[in-house]
Amino acid sequence: MNRTYEIMFIVRPDVEEAELDKLIEGFSANVTNGGGEVKSVEKMGRRRLAYTVRKFNDGFYILLNVAAAGSLITEIERRLRVSEQVIKFITVRMDEEEKRLAKVKAIRDTKVKRSAQPIAAPVQAAAAVETEEEKKPVAPVASDAASETVSAAV
């Protein structure tokens, strides 16, 4: 049964562009020969690593989206581990993640969004409050009246 995987690997920074393309072609050929399908290949370029890996501080990032059987992914990981140019890799199974995201999206779609509700009711209530305030007379400030009585008594 074919499942969807993301394979990201980091290649040494001293590898030339031609060798990098050859390495990617080799891994893609392994996937297609094993009965899998390479959905996309993304070269993310040279980036700084978060920490030193095998005495390297930066490397070329490559992302492969693959639909393949688990046994084929195990073989690809073995080849990544053995390859001298690859300094780090990770494989993530995406079909479970896509299923989880679809479930969360379905739950969110069933709930009513507050932004979709009409906002006319609060505006009318605010207008009613303003008209009531206009009708009330303004009372004198208590602090001014108290200061006048104190100065009159002195």
Protein backbone atom coordinates (compact mmCIF):
# COMPACT_ATOMS: atom_id res chain seq x y z
CA MET A 1 0.00 0.00 0.00
CA ASN A 2 1.45 3.35 -1.04
CA ARG A 3 1.52 6.13 1.48
CA THR A 4 2.64 9.72 1.25
CA TYR A 5 5.98 10.68 2.77
CA GLU A 6 8.15 13.78 2.98
CA ILE A 7 11.86 13.09 2.97
CA MET A 8 14.08 16.03 3.82
CA PHE A 9 17.82 15.67 3.74
CA ILE A 10 20.77 18.01 4.12
CA VAL A 11 23.76 17.67 1.81
CA ARG A 12 27.29 18.83 2.64
CA PRO A 13 27.98 22.44 1.61
CA ASP A 14 31.12 21.56 -0.35
CA VAL A 15 29.18 19.45 -2.90
CA GLU A 16 28.95 21.03 -6.35
CA GLU A 17 25.62 21.74 -8.07
CA ALA A 18 26.13 18.99 -10.68
CA GLU A 19 26.85 16.39 -7.99
CA LEU A 20 23.82 17.58 -6.02
CA ASP A 21 21.55 17.10 -9.06
CA LYS A 22 23.07 13.66 -9.62
CA LEU A 23 22.38 12.71 -5.98
CA ILE A 24 18.74 13.82 -6.23
CA GLU A 25 18.33 11.92 -9.53
CA GLY A 26 19.74 8.80 -7.86
CA PHE A 27 17.27 8.92 -4.95
CA SER A 28 14.39 9.67 -7.34
CA ALA A 29 15.42 6.70 -9.51
CA ASN A 30 15.48 4.44 -6.43
CA VAL A 31 11.93 5.46 -5.60
CA THR A 32 10.56 4.95 -9.13
CA ASN A 33 12.41 1.63 -9.60
CA GLY A 34 10.96 0.38 -6.31
CA GLY A 35 7.39 1.04 -7.44
CA GLY A 36 6.93 4.44 -5.82
CA GLU A 37 6.18 7.84 -7.24
CA VAL A 38 8.10 11.07 -6.70
CA LYS A 39 5.44 13.78 -6.46
CA SER A 40 7.80 16.74 -6.17
CA VAL A 41 11.41 17.67 -5.57
CA GLU A 42 12.22 21.01 -3.95
CA LYS A 43 15.75 22.32 -3.64
CA MET A 44 15.56 24.80 -0.79
CA GLY A 45 19.10 26.04 -1.23
CA ARG A 46 22.02 26.53 1.08
CA ARG A 47 21.08 27.42 4.65
CA ARG A 48 22.74 27.73 8.02
CA LEU A 49 22.22 24.78 10.39
CA ALA A 50 20.87 25.32 13.89
CA TYR A 51 23.86 23.46 15.30
CA THR A 52 27.06 21.89 13.98
CA VAL A 53 26.53 18.52 12.28
CA ARG A 54 29.61 16.50 11.35
CA LYS A 55 31.72 19.68 11.59
CA PHE A 56 29.47 21.57 9.13
CA ASN A 57 27.59 24.76 9.96
CA ASP A 58 25.52 24.96 6.77
CA GLY A 59 24.24 22.69 4.02
CA PHE A 60 21.94 22.26 1.02
CA TYR A 61 18.35 21.38 1.96
CA ILE A 62 16.35 19.08 -0.35
CA LEU A 63 12.71 18.04 0.12
CA LEU A 64 11.23 15.01 -1.66
CA ASN A 65 7.49 14.31 -1.62
CA VAL A 66 7.07 10.60 -2.29
CA ALA A 67 4.19 8.12 -2.54
CA ALA A 68 5.62 4.68 -1.81
CA ALA A 69 5.39 1.54 0.30
CA GLY A 70 6.98 1.43 3.74
CA SER A 71 9.61 -1.12 2.71
CA LEU A 72 10.81 1.19 -0.07
CA ILE A 73 11.09 4.10 2.38
CA THR A 74 13.20 1.90 4.65
CA GLU A 75 15.55 1.23 1.74
CA ILE A 76 15.76 4.95 0.86
CA GLU A 77 16.58 5.78 4.50
CA ARG A 78 19.32 3.13 4.47
CA ARG A 79 20.82 4.70 1.34
CA LEU A 80 20.61 8.17 2.90
CA ARG A 81 22.41 6.90 5.99
CA VAL A 82 25.21 5.32 3.92
CA SER A 83 25.70 8.27 1.55
CA GLU A 84 28.73 10.42 2.39
CA GLN A 85 27.23 13.61 0.95
CA VAL A 86 24.12 13.47 3.17
CA ILE A 87 24.82 14.77 6.67
CA LYS A 88 21.26 14.64 8.10
CA PHE A 89 17.80 13.43 7.02
CA ILE A 90 14.28 13.00 8.31
CA THR A 91 11.26 11.13 6.92
CA VAL A 92 7.71 12.09 7.86
CA ARG A 93 4.59 10.14 6.95
CA MET A 94 2.14 12.71 5.65
CA ASP A 95 -1.07 10.74 5.01
CA GLU A 96 -1.88 10.60 8.74
CA GLU A 97 -1.13 14.31 9.03
CA GLU A 98 -3.38 15.12 6.06
CA LYS A 99 -6.15 13.00 7.57
CA ARG A 100 -5.81 14.81 10.91
CA LEU A 101 -5.84 18.23 9.23
CA ALA A 102 -8.95 17.31 7.22
CA LYS A 103 -10.71 16.27 10.44
CA VAL A 104 -9.81 19.54 12.19
CA LYS A 105 -10.96 21.53 9.16
CA ALA A 106 -14.30 19.68 9.10
CA ILE A 107 -14.86 20.46 12.78
CA ARG A 108 -14.01 24.13 12.23
CA ASP A 109 -16.38 24.36 9.27
CA THR A 110 -19.32 23.07 11.33
CA LYS A 111 -18.95 25.81 13.95
CA VAL A 112 -20.51 29.23 13.34
CA LYS A 113 -17.95 31.95 12.89
CA ARG A 114 -18.47 35.15 14.83
CA SER A 115 -17.14 37.17 11.95
CA ALA A 116 -19.87 35.75 9.70
CA GLN A 117 -22.66 36.97 12.01
CA PRO A 118 -24.25 40.35 11.27
CA ILE A 119 -22.79 43.25 13.23
CA ALA A 120 -25.87 45.50 12.97
CA ALA A 121 -27.19 44.65 16.48
CA PRO A 122 -24.24 46.12 18.42
CA VAL A 123 -24.28 49.28 16.30
CA GLN A 124 -27.97 49.87 17.05
CA ALA A 125 -27.40 49.32 20.78
CA ALA A 126 -24.55 51.83 20.78
CA ALA A 127 -26.76 54.40 19.02
CA ALA A 128 -29.48 53.92 21.65
CA VAL A 129 -26.98 54.56 24.47
CA GLU A 130 -25.82 57.78 22.79
CA THR A 131 -29.38 59.14 22.53
CA GLU A 132 -30.05 58.42 26.22
CA GLU A 133 -26.85 60.26 27.20
CA GLU A 134 -27.92 63.29 25.16
CA LYS A 135 -31.21 63.51 27.11
CA LYS A 136 -29.56 63.52 30.59
CA PRO A 137 -28.72 66.95 32.06
CA VAL A 138 -25.12 67.56 33.02
CA ALA A 139 -24.62 67.76 36.83
CA PRO A 140 -22.10 70.17 38.35
CA VAL A 141 -18.80 68.71 39.48
CA ALA A 142 -18.81 68.00 43.22
CA SER A 143 -15.20 69.04 43.82
CA ASP A 144 -15.84 72.60 42.61
CA ALA A 145 -18.85 73.06 44.91
CA ALA A 146 -16.93 71.75 47.93
CA SER A 147 -14.02 74.16 47.34
CA GLU A 148 -16.42 77.12 47.14
CA THR A 149 -18.05 76.31 50.51
CA VAL A 150 -14.68 75.92 52.23
CA SER A 151 -13.43 79.29 50.94
CA ALA A 152 -16.69 81.00 52.04
CA ALA A 153 -16.32 79.64 55.57
CA VAL A 154 -12.79 81.02 55.98
